[in-house]
Amino acid sequence: MKENDKLLYKTLKTLLNERLSEAESETLRSEGFEIKNPTRKTAVMVALYKKAASGDLSAIKELRSIVSEKNDDKSEQAKAVMIVDDIRN
């Protein structure tokens, strides 16, 4: 990764992990999202969810991609055990 890309990644990660202001948190609560300690990342994910819920196909695909990444992590861990039937008839 280039130095500028690393700086951009680090800056974006820092911004996304910042807590939301009380006004922004209240907006989420008024929309029915009860989230403890919401961050800017939370707000982005809520916005993505709302777009997907409205039928935006690209947002639906993105949510599916995010969810399947999480499931892939779990399935890789589950694949660590292999059962071999070594008993012959």
PDB file of N, CA and C in Angstrom:
ATOM      1  N   MET A   1       0.856  -1.176   0.000  1.00  0.00           N
ATOM      2  CA  MET A   1       0.000   0.000   0.000  1.00  0.00           C
ATOM      3  C   MET A   1       0.900   1.237   0.000  1.00  0.00           C
ATOM      4  N   LYS A   2       0.583   2.181  -0.854  1.00  0.00           N
ATOM      5  CA  LYS A   2       1.369   3.405  -0.938  1.00  0.00           C
ATOM      6  C   LYS A   2       1.182   4.239   0.320  1.00  0.00           C
ATOM      7  N   GLU A   3       2.151   5.107   0.580  1.00  0.00           N
ATOM      8  CA  GLU A   3       2.132   5.938   1.786  1.00  0.00           C
ATOM      9  C   GLU A   3       0.881   6.811   1.845  1.00  0.00           C
ATOM     10  N   ASN A   4       0.498   7.426   0.720  1.00  0.00           N
ATOM     11  CA  ASN A   4      -0.706   8.268   0.697  1.00  0.00           C
ATOM     12  C   ASN A   4      -1.954   7.447   0.965  1.00  0.00           C
ATOM     13  N   ASP A   5      -1.995   6.230   0.430  1.00  0.00           N
ATOM     14  CA  ASP A   5      -3.142   5.347   0.667  1.00  0.00           C
ATOM     15  C   ASP A   5      -3.232   4.967   2.141  1.00  0.00           C
ATOM     16  N   LYS A   6      -2.082   4.723   2.761  1.00  0.00           N
ATOM     17  CA  LYS A   6      -2.060   4.378   4.189  1.00  0.00           C
ATOM     18  C   LYS A   6      -2.588   5.536   5.029  1.00  0.00           C
ATOM     19  N   LEU A   7      -2.164   6.745   4.678  1.00  0.00           N
ATOM     20  CA  LEU A   7      -2.612   7.928   5.409  1.00  0.00           C
ATOM     21  C   LEU A   7      -4.109   8.133   5.232  1.00  0.00           C
ATOM     22  N   LEU A   8      -4.599   7.968   4.000  1.00  0.00           N
ATOM     23  CA  LEU A   8      -6.026   8.105   3.728  1.00  0.00           C
ATOM     24  C   LEU A   8      -6.821   7.062   4.509  1.00  0.00           C
ATOM     25  N   TYR A   9      -6.352   5.813   4.500  1.00  0.00           N
ATOM     26  CA  TYR A   9      -7.019   4.730   5.226  1.00  0.00           C
ATOM     27  C   TYR A   9      -7.066   5.036   6.724  1.00  0.00           C
ATOM     28  N   LYS A  10      -5.943   5.455   7.273  1.00  0.00           N
ATOM     29  CA  LYS A  10      -5.870   5.749   8.708  1.00  0.00           C
ATOM     30  C   LYS A  10      -6.796   6.916   9.073  1.00  0.00           C
ATOM     31  N   THR A  11      -6.813   7.948   8.249  1.00  0.00           N
ATOM     32  CA  THR A  11      -7.661   9.109   8.499  1.00  0.00           C
ATOM     33  C   THR A  11      -9.139   8.729   8.441  1.00  0.00           C
ATOM     34  N   LEU A  12      -9.508   7.966   7.409  1.00  0.00           N
ATOM     35  CA  LEU A  12     -10.896   7.547   7.271  1.00  0.00           C
ATOM     36  C   LEU A  12     -11.324   6.662   8.431  1.00  0.00           C
ATOM     37  N   LYS A  13     -10.452   5.756   8.841  1.00  0.00           N
ATOM     38  CA  LYS A  13     -10.760   4.875   9.971  1.00  0.00           C
ATOM     39  C   LYS A  13     -10.972   5.700  11.248  1.00  0.00           C
ATOM     40  N   THR A  14     -10.139   6.703  11.453  1.00  0.00           N
ATOM     41  CA  THR A  14     -10.278   7.575  12.620  1.00  0.00           C
ATOM     42  C   THR A  14     -11.608   8.325  12.580  1.00  0.00           C
ATOM     43  N   LEU A  15     -11.946   8.871  11.421  1.00  0.00           N
ATOM     44  CA  LEU A  15     -13.215   9.601  11.284  1.00  0.00           C
ATOM     45  C   LEU A  15     -14.416   8.692  11.550  1.00  0.00           C
ATOM     46  N   LEU A  16     -14.392   7.483  10.994  1.00  0.00           N
ATOM     47  CA  LEU A  16     -15.525   6.565  11.154  1.00  0.00           C
ATOM     48  C   LEU A  16     -15.694   6.102  12.600  1.00  0.00           C
ATOM     49  N   ASN A  17     -14.621   6.053  13.347  1.00  0.00           N
ATOM     50  CA  ASN A  17     -14.706   5.584  14.731  1.00  0.00           C
ATOM     51  C   ASN A  17     -15.053   6.676  15.737  1.00  0.00           C
ATOM     52  N   GLU A  18     -15.182   7.927  15.267  1.00  0.00           N
ATOM     53  CA  GLU A  18     -15.572   9.017  16.166  1.00  0.00           C
ATOM     54  C   GLU A  18     -17.034   8.860  16.579  1.00  0.00           C
ATOM     55  N   ARG A  19     -17.308   9.218  17.820  1.00  0.00           N
ATOM     56  CA  ARG A  19     -18.689   9.172  18.306  1.00  0.00           C
ATOM     57  C   ARG A  19     -19.526  10.232  17.625  1.00  0.00           C
ATOM     58  N   LEU A  20     -20.796   9.921  17.462  1.00  0.00           N
ATOM     59  CA  LEU A  20     -21.727  10.898  16.901  1.00  0.00           C
ATOM     60  C   LEU A  20     -22.033  11.969  17.938  1.00  0.00           C
ATOM     61  N   SER A  21     -22.373  13.150  17.459  1.00  0.00           N
ATOM     62  CA  SER A  21     -22.806  14.207  18.369  1.00  0.00           C
ATOM     63  C   SER A  21     -24.154  13.802  18.967  1.00  0.00           C
ATOM     64  N   GLU A  22     -24.551  14.462  20.019  1.00  0.00           N
ATOM     65  CA  GLU A  22     -25.839  14.153  20.657  1.00  0.00           C
ATOM     66  C   GLU A  22     -26.990  14.405  19.691  1.00  0.00           C
ATOM     67  N   ALA A  23     -26.883  15.454  18.882  1.00  0.00           N
ATOM     68  CA  ALA A  23     -27.942  15.747  17.912  1.00  0.00           C
ATOM     69  C   ALA A  23     -28.056  14.638  16.864  1.00  0.00           C
ATOM     70  N   GLU A  24     -26.909  14.150  16.389  1.00  0.00           N
ATOM     71  CA  GLU A  24     -26.928  13.057  15.402  1.00  0.00           C
ATOM     72  C   GLU A  24     -27.471  11.773  16.027  1.00  0.00           C
ATOM     73  N   SER A  25     -27.081  11.505  17.269  1.00  0.00           N
ATOM     74  CA  SER A  25     -27.585  10.322  17.977  1.00  0.00           C
ATOM     75  C   SER A  25     -29.088  10.413  18.181  1.00  0.00           C
ATOM     76  N   GLU A  26     -29.564  11.610  18.504  1.00  0.00           N
ATOM     77  CA  GLU A  26     -30.999  11.820  18.702  1.00  0.00           C
ATOM     78  C   GLU A  26     -31.765  11.599  17.399  1.00  0.00           C
ATOM     79  N   THR A  27     -31.181  12.005  16.292  1.00  0.00           N
ATOM     80  CA  THR A  27     -31.810  11.771  14.990  1.00  0.00           C
ATOM     81  C   THR A  27     -31.994  10.276  14.751  1.00  0.00           C
ATOM     82  N   LEU A  28     -30.965   9.491  15.047  1.00  0.00           N
ATOM     83  CA  LEU A  28     -31.083   8.037  14.888  1.00  0.00           C
ATOM     84  C   LEU A  28     -32.167   7.474  15.800  1.00  0.00           C
ATOM     85  N   ARG A  29     -32.198   7.945  17.044  1.00  0.00           N
ATOM     86  CA  ARG A  29     -33.221   7.470  17.988  1.00  0.00           C
ATOM     87  C   ARG A  29     -34.622   7.829  17.512  1.00  0.00           C
ATOM     88  N   SER A  30     -34.778   9.045  16.988  1.00  0.00           N
ATOM     89  CA  SER A  30     -36.103   9.468  16.516  1.00  0.00           C
ATOM     90  C   SER A  30     -36.556   8.652  15.304  1.00  0.00           C
ATOM     91  N   GLU A  31     -35.611   8.061  14.588  1.00  0.00           N
ATOM     92  CA  GLU A  31     -35.948   7.202  13.449  1.00  0.00           C
ATOM     93  C   GLU A  31     -36.158   5.748  13.872  1.00  0.00           C
ATOM     94  N   GLY A  32     -36.021   5.487  15.177  1.00  0.00           N
ATOM     95  CA  GLY A  32     -36.280   4.147  15.689  1.00  0.00           C
ATOM     96  C   GLY A  32     -35.055   3.275  15.870  1.00  0.00           C
ATOM     97  N   PHE A  33     -33.861   3.829  15.717  1.00  0.00           N
ATOM     98  CA  PHE A  33     -32.629   3.060  15.885  1.00  0.00           C
ATOM     99  C   PHE A  33     -32.078   3.296  17.279  1.00  0.00           C
ATOM    100  N   GLU A  34     -32.232   2.300  18.144  1.00  0.00           N
ATOM    101  CA  GLU A  34     -31.712   2.392  19.515  1.00  0.00           C
ATOM    102  C   GLU A  34     -30.328   1.750  19.542  1.00  0.00           C
ATOM    103  N   ILE A  35     -29.300   2.572  19.407  1.00  0.00           N
ATOM    104  CA  ILE A  35     -27.933   2.081  19.319  1.00  0.00           C
ATOM    105  C   ILE A  35     -27.111   2.714  20.430  1.00  0.00           C
ATOM    106  N   LYS A  36     -26.428   1.863  21.200  1.00  0.00           N
ATOM    107  CA  LYS A  36     -25.565   2.364  22.270  1.00  0.00           C
ATOM    108  C   LYS A  36     -24.251   2.826  21.664  1.00  0.00           C
ATOM    109  N   ASN A  37     -23.771   3.969  22.097  1.00  0.00           N
ATOM    110  CA  ASN A  37     -22.497   4.530  21.659  1.00  0.00           C
ATOM    111  C   ASN A  37     -22.342   4.576  20.134  1.00  0.00           C
ATOM    112  N   PRO A  38     -23.254   5.235  19.438  1.00  0.00           N
ATOM    113  CA  PRO A  38     -23.167   5.263  17.978  1.00  0.00           C
ATOM    114  C   PRO A  38     -21.958   6.067  17.487  1.00  0.00           C
ATOM    115  N   THR A  39     -21.349   5.557  16.429  1.00  0.00           N
ATOM    116  CA  THR A  39     -20.207   6.220  15.800  1.00  0.00           C
ATOM    117  C   THR A  39     -20.617   6.652  14.388  1.00  0.00           C
ATOM    118  N   ARG A  40     -19.699   7.333  13.723  1.00  0.00           N
ATOM    119  CA  ARG A  40     -19.969   7.717  12.340  1.00  0.00           C
ATOM    120  C   ARG A  40     -20.130   6.469  11.460  1.00  0.00           C
ATOM    121  N   LYS A  41     -19.409   5.411  11.796  1.00  0.00           N
ATOM    122  CA  LYS A  41     -19.560   4.147  11.070  1.00  0.00           C
ATOM    123  C   LYS A  41     -20.983   3.625  11.227  1.00  0.00           C
ATOM    124  N   THR A  42     -21.537   3.766  12.421  1.00  0.00           N
ATOM    125  CA  THR A  42     -22.920   3.365  12.659  1.00  0.00           C
ATOM    126  C   THR A  42     -23.861   4.149  11.750  1.00  0.00           C
ATOM    127  N   ALA A  43     -23.644   5.452  11.665  1.00  0.00           N
ATOM    128  CA  ALA A  43     -24.500   6.300  10.832  1.00  0.00           C
ATOM    129  C   ALA A  43     -24.405   5.903   9.362  1.00  0.00           C
ATOM    130  N   VAL A  44     -23.211   5.561   8.904  1.00  0.00           N
ATOM    131  CA  VAL A  44     -23.038   5.128   7.521  1.00  0.00           C
ATOM    132  C   VAL A  44     -23.789   3.820   7.287  1.00  0.00           C
ATOM    133  N   MET A  45     -23.692   2.894   8.223  1.00  0.00           N
ATOM    134  CA  MET A  45     -24.375   1.611   8.072  1.00  0.00           C
ATOM    135  C   MET A  45     -25.892   1.781   8.118  1.00  0.00           C
ATOM    136  N   VAL A  46     -26.389   2.676   8.958  1.00  0.00           N
ATOM    137  CA  VAL A  46     -27.830   2.944   9.004  1.00  0.00           C
ATOM    138  C   VAL A  46     -28.283   3.534   7.674  1.00  0.00           C
ATOM    139  N   ALA A  47     -27.488   4.462   7.133  1.00  0.00           N
ATOM    140  CA  ALA A  47     -27.833   5.063   5.837  1.00  0.00           C
ATOM    141  C   ALA A  47     -27.853   3.998   4.743  1.00  0.00           C
ATOM    142  N   LEU A  48     -26.888   3.078   4.775  1.00  0.00           N
ATOM    143  CA  LEU A  48     -26.849   1.996   3.794  1.00  0.00           C
ATOM    144  C   LEU A  48     -28.065   1.085   3.957  1.00  0.00           C
ATOM    145  N   TYR A  49     -28.409   0.772   5.200  1.00  0.00           N
ATOM    146  CA  TYR A  49     -29.587  -0.057   5.470  1.00  0.00           C
ATOM    147  C   TYR A  49     -30.855   0.614   4.938  1.00  0.00           C
ATOM    148  N   LYS A  50     -30.994   1.927   5.186  1.00  0.00           N
ATOM    149  CA  LYS A  50     -32.192   2.644   4.741  1.00  0.00           C
ATOM    150  C   LYS A  50     -32.297   2.646   3.215  1.00  0.00           C
ATOM    151  N   LYS A  51     -31.160   2.812   2.529  1.00  0.00           N
ATOM    152  CA  LYS A  51     -31.173   2.763   1.064  1.00  0.00           C
ATOM    153  C   LYS A  51     -31.586   1.372   0.591  1.00  0.00           C
ATOM    154  N   ALA A  52     -31.045   0.338   1.230  1.00  0.00           N
ATOM    155  CA  ALA A  52     -31.394  -1.036   0.845  1.00  0.00           C
ATOM    156  C   ALA A  52     -32.867  -1.304   1.116  1.00  0.00           C
ATOM    157  N   ALA A  53     -33.364  -0.831   2.257  1.00  0.00           N
ATOM    158  CA  ALA A  53     -34.772  -1.049   2.608  1.00  0.00           C
ATOM    159  C   ALA A  53     -35.712  -0.337   1.641  1.00  0.00           C
ATOM    160  N   SER A  54     -35.228   0.724   1.013  1.00  0.00           N
ATOM    161  CA  SER A  54     -36.062   1.446   0.047  1.00  0.00           C
ATOM    162  C   SER A  54     -36.045   0.787  -1.328  1.00  0.00           C
ATOM    163  N   GLY A  55     -35.216  -0.256  -1.475  1.00  0.00           N
ATOM    164  CA  GLY A  55     -35.184  -0.992  -2.734  1.00  0.00           C
ATOM    165  C   GLY A  55     -33.988  -0.696  -3.620  1.00  0.00           C
ATOM    166  N   ASP A  56     -33.037   0.079  -3.141  1.00  0.00           N
ATOM    167  CA  ASP A  56     -31.847   0.400  -3.920  1.00  0.00           C
ATOM    168  C   ASP A  56     -31.004  -0.865  -4.098  1.00  0.00           C
ATOM    169  N   LEU A  57     -30.950  -1.377  -5.328  1.00  0.00           N
ATOM    170  CA  LEU A  57     -30.299  -2.643  -5.604  1.00  0.00           C
ATOM    171  C   LEU A  57     -28.812  -2.627  -5.256  1.00  0.00           C
ATOM    172  N   SER A  58     -28.118  -1.537  -5.537  1.00  0.00           N
ATOM    173  CA  SER A  58     -26.686  -1.487  -5.216  1.00  0.00           C
ATOM    174  C   SER A  58     -26.463  -1.517  -3.705  1.00  0.00           C
ATOM    175  N   ALA A  59     -27.345  -0.891  -2.938  1.00  0.00           N
ATOM    176  CA  ALA A  59     -27.231  -0.936  -1.478  1.00  0.00           C
ATOM    177  C   ALA A  59     -27.533  -2.334  -0.963  1.00  0.00           C
ATOM    178  N   ILE A  60     -28.498  -3.004  -1.554  1.00  0.00           N
ATOM    179  CA  ILE A  60     -28.817  -4.385  -1.166  1.00  0.00           C
ATOM    180  C   ILE A  60     -27.620  -5.278  -1.417  1.00  0.00           C
ATOM    181  N   LYS A  61     -26.997  -5.128  -2.586  1.00  0.00           N
ATOM    182  CA  LYS A  61     -25.818  -5.939  -2.918  1.00  0.00           C
ATOM    183  C   LYS A  61     -24.674  -5.659  -1.953  1.00  0.00           C
ATOM    184  N   GLU A  62     -24.484  -4.403  -1.601  1.00  0.00           N
ATOM    185  CA  GLU A  62     -23.409  -4.052  -0.673  1.00  0.00           C
ATOM    186  C   GLU A  62     -23.655  -4.650   0.703  1.00  0.00           C
ATOM    187  N   LEU A  63     -24.894  -4.561   1.198  1.00  0.00           N
ATOM    188  CA  LEU A  63     -25.213  -5.180   2.490  1.00  0.00           C
ATOM    189  C   LEU A  63     -24.996  -6.684   2.434  1.00  0.00           C
ATOM    190  N   ARG A  64     -25.430  -7.311   1.347  1.00  0.00           N
ATOM    191  CA  ARG A  64     -25.233  -8.754   1.195  1.00  0.00           C
ATOM    192  C   ARG A  64     -23.748  -9.090   1.198  1.00  0.00           C
ATOM    193  N   SER A  65     -22.944  -8.258   0.554  1.00  0.00           N
ATOM    194  CA  SER A  65     -21.497  -8.468   0.520  1.00  0.00           C
ATOM    195  C   SER A  65     -20.897  -8.376   1.922  1.00  0.00           C
ATOM    196  N   ILE A  66     -21.315  -7.382   2.678  1.00  0.00           N
ATOM    197  CA  ILE A  66     -20.802  -7.206   4.037  1.00  0.00           C
ATOM    198  C   ILE A  66     -21.198  -8.382   4.914  1.00  0.00           C
ATOM    199  N   VAL A  67     -22.451  -8.808   4.821  1.00  0.00           N
ATOM    200  CA  VAL A  67     -22.935  -9.923   5.637  1.00  0.00           C
ATOM    201  C   VAL A  67     -22.243 -11.221   5.229  1.00  0.00           C
ATOM    202  N   SER A  68     -22.045 -11.441   3.933  1.00  0.00           N
ATOM    203  CA  SER A  68     -21.414 -12.688   3.493  1.00  0.00           C
ATOM    204  C   SER A  68     -19.945 -12.720   3.879  1.00  0.00           C
ATOM    205  N   GLU A  69     -19.270 -11.558   3.945  1.00  0.00           N
ATOM    206  CA  GLU A  69     -17.892 -11.523   4.432  1.00  0.00           C
ATOM    207  C   GLU A  69     -17.831 -12.017   5.862  1.00  0.00           C
ATOM    208  N   LYS A  70     -18.760 -11.591   6.681  1.00  0.00           N
ATOM    209  CA  LYS A  70     -18.804 -12.008   8.072  1.00  0.00           C
ATOM    210  C   LYS A  70     -19.078 -13.504   8.163  1.00  0.00           C
ATOM    211  N   ASN A  71     -20.012 -13.995   7.346  1.00  0.00           N
ATOM    212  CA  ASN A  71     -20.326 -15.422   7.340  1.00  0.00           C
ATOM    213  C   ASN A  71     -19.166 -16.249   6.802  1.00  0.00           C
ATOM    214  N   ASP A  72     -18.410 -15.715   5.835  1.00  0.00           N
ATOM    215  CA  ASP A  72     -17.252 -16.417   5.296  1.00  0.00           C
ATOM    216  C   ASP A  72     -16.205 -16.628   6.374  1.00  0.00           C
ATOM    217  N   ASP A  73     -16.023 -15.621   7.247  1.00  0.00           N
ATOM    218  CA  ASP A  73     -15.069 -15.761   8.344  1.00  0.00           C
ATOM    219  C   ASP A  73     -15.453 -16.921   9.246  1.00  0.00           C
ATOM    220  N   LYS A  74     -16.738 -17.021   9.557  1.00  0.00           N
ATOM    221  CA  LYS A  74     -17.211 -18.099  10.422  1.00  0.00           C
ATOM    222  C   LYS A  74     -17.113 -19.450   9.728  1.00  0.00           C
ATOM    223  N   SER A  75     -17.439 -19.498   8.435  1.00  0.00           N
ATOM    224  CA  SER A  75     -17.411 -20.771   7.722  1.00  0.00           C
ATOM    225  C   SER A  75     -15.984 -21.269   7.556  1.00  0.00           C
ATOM    226  N   GLU A  76     -15.010 -20.373   7.426  1.00  0.00           N
ATOM    227  CA  GLU A  76     -13.622 -20.791   7.337  1.00  0.00           C
ATOM    228  C   GLU A  76     -13.183 -21.448   8.635  1.00  0.00           C
ATOM    229  N   GLN A  77     -13.638 -20.906   9.757  1.00  0.00           N
ATOM    230  CA  GLN A  77     -13.302 -21.505  11.037  1.00  0.00           C
ATOM    231  C   GLN A  77     -13.946 -22.875  11.160  1.00  0.00           C
ATOM    232  N   ALA A  78     -15.144 -23.022  10.651  1.00  0.00           N
ATOM    233  CA  ALA A  78     -15.844 -24.294  10.730  1.00  0.00           C
ATOM    234  C   ALA A  78     -15.200 -25.338   9.821  1.00  0.00           C
ATOM    235  N   LYS A  79     -14.533 -24.917   8.766  1.00  0.00           N
ATOM    236  CA  LYS A  79     -13.903 -25.844   7.838  1.00  0.00           C
ATOM    237  C   LYS A  79     -12.607 -26.422   8.387  1.00  0.00           C
ATOM    238  N   ALA A  80     -12.166 -25.987   9.545  1.00  0.00           N
ATOM    239  CA  ALA A  80     -10.907 -26.455  10.101  1.00  0.00           C
ATOM    240  C   ALA A  80     -10.959 -27.938  10.460  1.00  0.00           C
ATOM    241  N   VAL A  81     -12.129 -28.477  10.699  1.00  0.00           N
ATOM    242  CA  VAL A  81     -12.275 -29.890  11.051  1.00  0.00           C
ATOM    243  C   VAL A  81     -12.759 -30.643   9.822  1.00  0.00           C
ATOM    244  N   MET A  82     -12.052 -31.720   9.495  1.00  0.00           N
ATOM    245  CA  MET A  82     -12.449 -32.534   8.357  1.00  0.00           C
ATOM    246  C   MET A  82     -12.632 -33.970   8.840  1.00  0.00           C
ATOM    247  N   ILE A  83     -13.774 -34.538   8.558  1.00  0.00           N
ATOM    248  CA  ILE A  83     -14.065 -35.922   8.935  1.00  0.00           C
ATOM    249  C   ILE A  83     -13.875 -36.793   7.699  1.00  0.00           C
ATOM    250  N   VAL A  84     -13.049 -37.802   7.837  1.00  0.00           N
ATOM    251  CA  VAL A  84     -12.772 -38.700   6.717  1.00  0.00           C
ATOM    252  C   VAL A  84     -13.304 -40.076   7.100  1.00  0.00           C
ATOM    253  N   ASP A  85     -14.128 -40.620   6.228  1.00  0.00           N
ATOM    254  CA  ASP A  85     -14.658 -41.971   6.452  1.00  0.00           C
ATOM    255  C   ASP A  85     -13.611 -42.969   5.961  1.00  0.00           C
ATOM    256  N   ASP A  86     -12.849 -43.512   6.903  1.00  0.00           N
ATOM    257  CA  ASP A  86     -11.791 -44.431   6.524  1.00  0.00           C
ATOM    258  C   ASP A  86     -12.155 -45.897   6.808  1.00  0.00           C
ATOM    259  N   ILE A  87     -13.394 -46.153   7.143  1.00  0.00           N
ATOM    260  CA  ILE A  87     -13.861 -47.520   7.395  1.00  0.00           C
ATOM    261  C   ILE A  87     -14.446 -48.048   6.095  1.00  0.00           C
ATOM    262  N   ARG A  88     -13.927 -49.127   5.635  1.00  0.00           N
ATOM    263  CA  ARG A  88     -14.383 -49.712   4.362  1.00  0.00           C
ATOM    264  C   ARG A  88     -15.389 -50.808   4.642  1.00  0.00           C
ATOM    265  N   ASN A  89     -16.308 -51.006   3.715  1.00  0.00           N
ATOM    266  CA  ASN A  89     -17.341 -52.052   3.860  1.00  0.00           C
ATOM    267  C   ASN A  89     -16.774 -53.418   3.614  1.00  0.00           C
TER     268      ASN A  89
END
